[in-house]
N, C-alpha and C. Protein backbone atom coordinates (compact mmCIF):
# COMPACT_ATOMS: atom_id res chain seq x y z
N MET A 1 -6.34 38.20 97.21
CA MET A 1 -7.04 37.02 96.78
C MET A 1 -6.46 36.58 95.44
N LYS A 2 -6.22 35.35 95.41
CA LYS A 2 -5.61 34.79 94.22
C LYS A 2 -6.67 34.04 93.43
N PHE A 3 -6.86 34.50 92.18
CA PHE A 3 -7.84 33.83 91.32
C PHE A 3 -7.15 32.74 90.51
N PRO A 4 -7.86 31.64 90.29
CA PRO A 4 -7.24 30.57 89.48
C PRO A 4 -7.15 31.02 88.01
N ARG A 5 -6.07 30.72 87.44
CA ARG A 5 -5.86 31.09 86.04
C ARG A 5 -6.57 30.10 85.13
N ARG A 6 -7.11 30.65 84.10
CA ARG A 6 -7.73 29.77 83.11
C ARG A 6 -6.64 29.20 82.21
N ALA A 7 -6.84 28.00 81.81
CA ALA A 7 -5.89 27.39 80.88
C ALA A 7 -6.07 28.04 79.51
N GLN A 8 -4.98 28.46 78.94
CA GLN A 8 -5.06 29.10 77.62
C GLN A 8 -5.26 28.04 76.54
N ARG A 9 -6.19 28.34 75.65
CA ARG A 9 -6.46 27.42 74.56
C ARG A 9 -5.59 27.78 73.36
N ASP A 10 -5.15 26.75 72.68
CA ASP A 10 -4.36 26.96 71.47
C ASP A 10 -5.33 27.26 70.33
N ASN A 11 -5.25 28.44 69.76
CA ASN A 11 -6.18 28.87 68.72
C ASN A 11 -5.70 28.55 67.31
N SER A 12 -4.67 27.78 67.12
CA SER A 12 -4.18 27.46 65.79
C SER A 12 -4.88 26.21 65.24
N ILE A 13 -4.89 26.12 63.93
CA ILE A 13 -5.53 24.99 63.27
C ILE A 13 -4.48 23.90 63.07
N ASN A 14 -4.87 22.68 63.35
CA ASN A 14 -3.97 21.55 63.16
C ASN A 14 -3.97 21.18 61.68
N LEU A 15 -2.83 21.36 61.01
CA LEU A 15 -2.72 21.12 59.57
C LEU A 15 -2.28 19.70 59.23
N THR A 16 -1.95 18.91 60.18
CA THR A 16 -1.45 17.56 59.90
C THR A 16 -2.46 16.71 59.12
N PRO A 17 -3.74 16.66 59.51
CA PRO A 17 -4.68 15.86 58.70
C PRO A 17 -4.84 16.39 57.27
N LEU A 18 -4.80 17.71 57.11
CA LEU A 18 -4.92 18.30 55.78
C LEU A 18 -3.74 17.91 54.90
N ILE A 19 -2.55 17.95 55.44
CA ILE A 19 -1.36 17.56 54.69
C ILE A 19 -1.42 16.08 54.34
N ASP A 20 -1.89 15.25 55.25
CA ASP A 20 -2.03 13.82 54.97
C ASP A 20 -2.98 13.58 53.80
N VAL A 21 -4.09 14.27 53.78
CA VAL A 21 -5.07 14.10 52.70
C VAL A 21 -4.49 14.57 51.37
N VAL A 22 -3.77 15.69 51.38
CA VAL A 22 -3.16 16.20 50.14
C VAL A 22 -2.14 15.20 49.60
N PHE A 23 -1.31 14.63 50.46
CA PHE A 23 -0.34 13.64 50.00
C PHE A 23 -1.02 12.38 49.49
N LEU A 24 -2.09 11.95 50.13
CA LEU A 24 -2.82 10.78 49.63
C LEU A 24 -3.41 11.06 48.25
N LEU A 25 -3.97 12.25 48.06
CA LEU A 25 -4.50 12.59 46.73
C LEU A 25 -3.38 12.65 45.69
N LEU A 26 -2.25 13.21 46.06
CA LEU A 26 -1.12 13.28 45.14
C LEU A 26 -0.66 11.88 44.74
N ILE A 27 -0.54 10.99 45.69
CA ILE A 27 -0.13 9.61 45.39
C ILE A 27 -1.18 8.93 44.52
N PHE A 28 -2.46 9.14 44.83
CA PHE A 28 -3.53 8.54 44.04
C PHE A 28 -3.45 8.98 42.58
N PHE A 29 -3.30 10.27 42.34
CA PHE A 29 -3.25 10.77 40.96
C PHE A 29 -1.98 10.32 40.24
N MET A 30 -0.88 10.21 40.96
CA MET A 30 0.35 9.73 40.32
C MET A 30 0.23 8.27 39.91
N VAL A 31 -0.43 7.48 40.72
CA VAL A 31 -0.57 6.05 40.42
C VAL A 31 -1.58 5.81 39.31
N THR A 32 -2.66 6.57 39.28
CA THR A 32 -3.71 6.32 38.30
C THR A 32 -3.48 7.00 36.96
N THR A 33 -2.52 7.89 36.86
CA THR A 33 -2.24 8.57 35.60
C THR A 33 -1.56 7.61 34.64
N THR A 34 -2.00 7.65 33.39
CA THR A 34 -1.34 6.83 32.38
C THR A 34 -0.45 7.72 31.54
N PHE A 35 0.72 7.24 31.27
CA PHE A 35 1.67 7.98 30.47
C PHE A 35 1.78 7.29 29.12
N THR A 36 1.66 8.06 28.06
CA THR A 36 1.79 7.50 26.72
C THR A 36 3.02 8.07 26.06
N ARG A 37 3.67 7.26 25.31
CA ARG A 37 4.84 7.71 24.56
C ARG A 37 4.43 7.80 23.10
N GLU A 38 4.49 8.99 22.59
CA GLU A 38 4.12 9.23 21.20
C GLU A 38 5.34 9.01 20.32
N THR A 39 5.11 8.34 19.20
CA THR A 39 6.19 8.17 18.24
C THR A 39 5.97 9.16 17.11
N GLY A 40 7.02 9.58 16.52
CA GLY A 40 6.88 10.55 15.45
C GLY A 40 8.05 10.50 14.51
N MET A 41 7.90 11.18 13.43
CA MET A 41 8.96 11.28 12.44
C MET A 41 9.24 12.76 12.19
N LEU A 42 10.50 13.07 11.98
CA LEU A 42 10.86 14.43 11.63
C LEU A 42 10.68 14.62 10.13
N ILE A 43 9.88 15.59 9.76
CA ILE A 43 9.67 15.88 8.35
C ILE A 43 9.87 17.37 8.13
N SER A 44 10.20 17.72 6.92
CA SER A 44 10.31 19.14 6.58
C SER A 44 9.09 19.52 5.75
N LEU A 45 8.30 20.42 6.28
CA LEU A 45 7.10 20.86 5.57
C LEU A 45 7.48 21.94 4.57
N PRO A 46 6.94 21.86 3.37
CA PRO A 46 7.29 22.87 2.36
C PRO A 46 6.58 24.18 2.63
N GLU A 47 7.22 25.25 2.23
CA GLU A 47 6.60 26.56 2.33
C GLU A 47 6.12 26.96 0.94
N ALA A 48 4.97 27.58 0.88
CA ALA A 48 4.44 28.04 -0.40
C ALA A 48 5.29 29.21 -0.88
N GLN A 49 5.68 29.17 -2.15
CA GLN A 49 6.52 30.21 -2.72
C GLN A 49 5.82 30.81 -3.92
N ALA A 50 6.14 32.06 -4.20
CA ALA A 50 5.52 32.75 -5.32
C ALA A 50 6.08 32.28 -6.65
N GLU A 51 7.37 31.94 -6.68
CA GLU A 51 8.00 31.52 -7.92
C GLU A 51 8.13 30.01 -7.97
N SER A 52 8.13 29.48 -9.17
CA SER A 52 8.40 28.06 -9.32
C SER A 52 9.90 27.89 -9.53
N PRO A 53 10.46 26.80 -9.09
CA PRO A 53 11.90 26.60 -9.26
C PRO A 53 12.27 26.53 -10.74
N SER A 54 13.52 26.90 -11.04
CA SER A 54 13.96 26.97 -12.43
C SER A 54 14.02 25.60 -13.09
N ARG A 55 14.49 24.59 -12.36
CA ARG A 55 14.51 23.25 -12.93
C ARG A 55 13.94 22.27 -11.91
N GLU A 56 13.25 21.31 -12.39
CA GLU A 56 12.62 20.31 -11.53
C GLU A 56 13.59 19.16 -11.28
N PRO A 57 13.96 18.90 -10.04
CA PRO A 57 14.79 17.74 -9.78
C PRO A 57 13.95 16.46 -9.90
N VAL A 58 14.63 15.36 -10.11
CA VAL A 58 13.94 14.08 -10.22
C VAL A 58 13.40 13.72 -8.84
N THR A 59 12.10 13.56 -8.75
CA THR A 59 11.47 13.24 -7.47
C THR A 59 10.51 12.08 -7.65
N LEU A 60 10.22 11.46 -6.53
CA LEU A 60 9.17 10.45 -6.47
C LEU A 60 7.92 11.13 -5.94
N GLU A 61 6.78 10.78 -6.50
CA GLU A 61 5.54 11.35 -6.00
C GLU A 61 4.63 10.21 -5.56
N LEU A 62 4.21 10.29 -4.32
CA LEU A 62 3.29 9.32 -3.75
C LEU A 62 1.97 10.04 -3.50
N VAL A 63 0.94 9.64 -4.23
CA VAL A 63 -0.36 10.30 -4.15
C VAL A 63 -1.31 9.42 -3.34
N ILE A 64 -2.03 10.06 -2.41
CA ILE A 64 -3.02 9.35 -1.60
C ILE A 64 -4.39 9.93 -1.93
N SER A 65 -5.30 9.07 -2.37
CA SER A 65 -6.63 9.53 -2.77
C SER A 65 -7.53 9.69 -1.54
N LYS A 66 -8.72 10.21 -1.77
CA LYS A 66 -9.69 10.42 -0.70
C LYS A 66 -10.07 9.09 -0.05
N GLU A 67 -10.12 8.02 -0.84
CA GLU A 67 -10.49 6.70 -0.32
C GLU A 67 -9.33 6.00 0.38
N GLY A 68 -8.13 6.56 0.30
CA GLY A 68 -6.97 5.95 0.94
C GLY A 68 -6.16 5.07 0.01
N ASN A 69 -6.42 5.15 -1.31
CA ASN A 69 -5.64 4.38 -2.27
C ASN A 69 -4.36 5.13 -2.60
N TYR A 70 -3.31 4.37 -2.92
CA TYR A 70 -2.00 4.95 -3.17
C TYR A 70 -1.63 4.83 -4.65
N ALA A 71 -0.82 5.78 -5.12
CA ALA A 71 -0.25 5.73 -6.47
C ALA A 71 1.16 6.30 -6.39
N VAL A 72 2.11 5.58 -6.99
CA VAL A 72 3.50 6.04 -7.01
C VAL A 72 3.84 6.44 -8.44
N ASN A 73 4.20 7.70 -8.62
CA ASN A 73 4.51 8.26 -9.94
C ASN A 73 3.42 7.94 -10.96
N GLY A 74 2.17 8.06 -10.55
CA GLY A 74 1.04 7.87 -11.45
C GLY A 74 0.55 6.44 -11.58
N GLN A 75 1.26 5.47 -11.02
CA GLN A 75 0.83 4.07 -11.10
C GLN A 75 0.11 3.68 -9.81
N SER A 76 -1.15 3.25 -9.95
CA SER A 76 -1.92 2.85 -8.78
C SER A 76 -1.39 1.55 -8.21
N LEU A 77 -1.47 1.44 -6.88
CA LEU A 77 -1.03 0.22 -6.21
C LEU A 77 -2.22 -0.71 -6.02
N ILE A 78 -1.94 -2.01 -5.95
CA ILE A 78 -3.03 -2.99 -5.91
C ILE A 78 -3.72 -3.04 -4.55
N ASN A 79 -3.01 -2.69 -3.47
CA ASN A 79 -3.64 -2.65 -2.15
C ASN A 79 -2.99 -1.58 -1.29
N ARG A 80 -3.45 -1.47 -0.05
CA ARG A 80 -2.97 -0.42 0.85
C ARG A 80 -1.95 -0.92 1.85
N ASP A 81 -1.43 -2.10 1.65
CA ASP A 81 -0.49 -2.71 2.58
C ASP A 81 0.84 -1.95 2.55
N ILE A 82 1.47 -1.82 3.70
CA ILE A 82 2.73 -1.07 3.78
C ILE A 82 3.84 -1.76 2.99
N LYS A 83 3.79 -3.08 2.92
CA LYS A 83 4.81 -3.80 2.14
C LYS A 83 4.68 -3.49 0.65
N THR A 84 3.44 -3.34 0.17
CA THR A 84 3.22 -2.98 -1.23
C THR A 84 3.73 -1.57 -1.51
N ILE A 85 3.48 -0.66 -0.58
CA ILE A 85 3.96 0.71 -0.75
C ILE A 85 5.48 0.73 -0.76
N MET A 86 6.10 -0.01 0.14
CA MET A 86 7.57 -0.06 0.20
C MET A 86 8.15 -0.64 -1.08
N ALA A 87 7.53 -1.71 -1.59
CA ALA A 87 8.04 -2.32 -2.83
C ALA A 87 7.90 -1.35 -4.00
N ALA A 88 6.78 -0.64 -4.09
CA ALA A 88 6.58 0.31 -5.19
C ALA A 88 7.58 1.47 -5.10
N LEU A 89 7.82 1.97 -3.90
CA LEU A 89 8.79 3.06 -3.74
C LEU A 89 10.20 2.60 -4.07
N LYS A 90 10.52 1.37 -3.67
CA LYS A 90 11.86 0.84 -3.94
C LYS A 90 12.06 0.65 -5.45
N ASP A 91 11.02 0.13 -6.13
CA ASP A 91 11.11 -0.05 -7.58
C ASP A 91 11.21 1.29 -8.32
N ALA A 92 10.41 2.25 -7.91
CA ALA A 92 10.39 3.55 -8.60
C ALA A 92 11.68 4.33 -8.37
N SER A 93 12.30 4.14 -7.21
CA SER A 93 13.54 4.88 -6.93
C SER A 93 14.77 4.11 -7.33
N ALA A 94 14.60 2.88 -7.75
CA ALA A 94 15.72 1.99 -8.11
C ALA A 94 16.71 1.86 -6.95
N GLY A 95 16.16 1.86 -5.73
CA GLY A 95 17.00 1.69 -4.55
C GLY A 95 17.70 2.95 -4.08
N ASP A 96 17.49 4.08 -4.76
CA ASP A 96 18.14 5.34 -4.39
C ASP A 96 17.28 6.06 -3.35
N ASN A 97 17.66 5.93 -2.07
CA ASN A 97 16.87 6.57 -1.03
C ASN A 97 17.28 8.03 -0.79
N GLN A 98 18.19 8.56 -1.60
CA GLN A 98 18.56 9.98 -1.53
C GLN A 98 17.62 10.83 -2.38
N MET A 99 16.80 10.17 -3.20
CA MET A 99 15.86 10.86 -4.08
C MET A 99 14.76 11.51 -3.23
N PRO A 100 14.40 12.78 -3.52
CA PRO A 100 13.33 13.41 -2.74
C PRO A 100 11.98 12.75 -3.00
N LEU A 101 11.21 12.60 -1.93
CA LEU A 101 9.88 11.99 -2.02
C LEU A 101 8.85 13.05 -1.65
N VAL A 102 7.85 13.21 -2.52
CA VAL A 102 6.77 14.16 -2.28
C VAL A 102 5.49 13.37 -2.04
N ILE A 103 4.87 13.60 -0.89
CA ILE A 103 3.59 12.95 -0.58
C ILE A 103 2.49 13.97 -0.82
N THR A 104 1.58 13.62 -1.72
CA THR A 104 0.44 14.48 -2.04
C THR A 104 -0.81 13.74 -1.60
N ALA A 105 -1.45 14.25 -0.56
CA ALA A 105 -2.64 13.59 -0.03
C ALA A 105 -3.86 14.47 -0.24
N ASP A 106 -4.97 13.83 -0.57
CA ASP A 106 -6.24 14.54 -0.69
C ASP A 106 -6.62 15.09 0.69
N ALA A 107 -7.29 16.23 0.70
CA ALA A 107 -7.68 16.84 1.97
C ALA A 107 -8.63 15.95 2.76
N GLN A 108 -9.37 15.07 2.08
CA GLN A 108 -10.32 14.19 2.75
C GLN A 108 -9.71 12.84 3.14
N SER A 109 -8.45 12.60 2.80
CA SER A 109 -7.83 11.31 3.15
C SER A 109 -7.54 11.29 4.65
N THR A 110 -7.42 10.08 5.19
CA THR A 110 -7.20 9.94 6.63
C THR A 110 -5.75 10.22 6.98
N HIS A 111 -5.54 10.61 8.22
CA HIS A 111 -4.18 10.84 8.69
C HIS A 111 -3.40 9.53 8.71
N GLN A 112 -4.10 8.44 8.99
CA GLN A 112 -3.42 7.14 9.06
C GLN A 112 -2.82 6.77 7.71
N ALA A 113 -3.50 7.11 6.62
CA ALA A 113 -2.96 6.81 5.30
C ALA A 113 -1.66 7.57 5.06
N VAL A 114 -1.60 8.82 5.50
CA VAL A 114 -0.38 9.62 5.34
C VAL A 114 0.73 9.08 6.23
N ILE A 115 0.39 8.71 7.47
CA ILE A 115 1.39 8.16 8.40
C ILE A 115 1.93 6.84 7.87
N THR A 116 1.08 6.02 7.26
CA THR A 116 1.54 4.76 6.68
C THR A 116 2.54 5.02 5.56
N ALA A 117 2.25 6.01 4.71
CA ALA A 117 3.17 6.36 3.63
C ALA A 117 4.49 6.88 4.18
N MET A 118 4.42 7.71 5.22
CA MET A 118 5.64 8.24 5.83
C MET A 118 6.44 7.13 6.50
N ASP A 119 5.75 6.18 7.11
CA ASP A 119 6.43 5.05 7.75
C ASP A 119 7.14 4.19 6.72
N ALA A 120 6.48 3.95 5.59
CA ALA A 120 7.11 3.16 4.52
C ALA A 120 8.36 3.86 4.00
N ALA A 121 8.28 5.17 3.82
CA ALA A 121 9.45 5.93 3.35
C ALA A 121 10.56 5.90 4.39
N GLY A 122 10.20 6.02 5.65
CA GLY A 122 11.20 5.99 6.71
C GLY A 122 11.89 4.64 6.82
N ARG A 123 11.13 3.58 6.65
CA ARG A 123 11.73 2.24 6.72
C ARG A 123 12.70 1.99 5.57
N LEU A 124 12.44 2.62 4.42
CA LEU A 124 13.34 2.46 3.27
C LEU A 124 14.54 3.40 3.36
N GLY A 125 14.53 4.32 4.30
CA GLY A 125 15.68 5.21 4.50
C GLY A 125 15.63 6.50 3.71
N PHE A 126 14.47 6.90 3.22
CA PHE A 126 14.37 8.16 2.50
C PHE A 126 14.64 9.30 3.48
N GLU A 127 15.53 10.21 3.08
CA GLU A 127 15.91 11.31 3.97
C GLU A 127 15.18 12.60 3.65
N THR A 128 14.82 12.80 2.39
CA THR A 128 14.13 14.03 1.99
C THR A 128 12.67 13.69 1.74
N LEU A 129 11.82 14.13 2.65
CA LEU A 129 10.39 13.84 2.58
C LEU A 129 9.64 15.16 2.63
N ASN A 130 8.85 15.43 1.61
CA ASN A 130 8.07 16.66 1.54
C ASN A 130 6.59 16.31 1.44
N ILE A 131 5.77 17.16 2.01
CA ILE A 131 4.32 17.00 1.90
C ILE A 131 3.82 18.17 1.07
N ALA A 132 3.13 17.87 -0.01
CA ALA A 132 2.67 18.91 -0.92
C ALA A 132 1.56 19.72 -0.28
N THR A 133 1.61 21.03 -0.51
CA THR A 133 0.57 21.92 -0.02
C THR A 133 -0.08 22.63 -1.19
N GLN A 134 -1.19 23.26 -0.92
CA GLN A 134 -1.90 23.99 -1.96
C GLN A 134 -1.67 25.48 -1.74
N GLN A 135 -1.46 26.21 -2.83
CA GLN A 135 -1.27 27.66 -2.72
C GLN A 135 -2.53 28.28 -2.14
N PRO A 136 -2.39 29.23 -1.20
CA PRO A 136 -3.59 29.88 -0.65
C PRO A 136 -4.28 30.73 -1.71
N GLN A 137 -5.60 30.74 -1.65
CA GLN A 137 -6.39 31.53 -2.60
C GLN A 137 -6.32 32.99 -2.20
N GLU A 138 -6.03 33.87 -3.16
CA GLU A 138 -5.99 35.30 -2.87
C GLU A 138 -7.39 35.88 -3.02
N PRO A 139 -7.78 36.75 -2.09
CA PRO A 139 -9.14 37.32 -2.16
C PRO A 139 -9.31 38.33 -3.26
């Protein structure tokens, strides 16, 4: 006696719809992601040293107060405009952009005030830019 054979069922999972959904999600995230390009400046940060240098080279000092006001070599500027900062730096350096520039900012001043000062120095072509730090307190 011959019995009819049962049709064998395929017990595997169909992955095609899953792959389609994954690709759709990938395309969705790629399209909706925003890419931002950050601009920056290369600066050399000073390291705190135990000794003071033997002789002080001629430097420009740009001080930024807590309120965001600027002073170049002790002279306060009339406003916070970048053109004013550039003019004051150019006058104080007598056009010598090889002179080292030290930016001393109050700890409570905004980052934007420091970036504006760095941008003004960069536009004038200053190559040596230092940011003043405070010596760490010993316990």
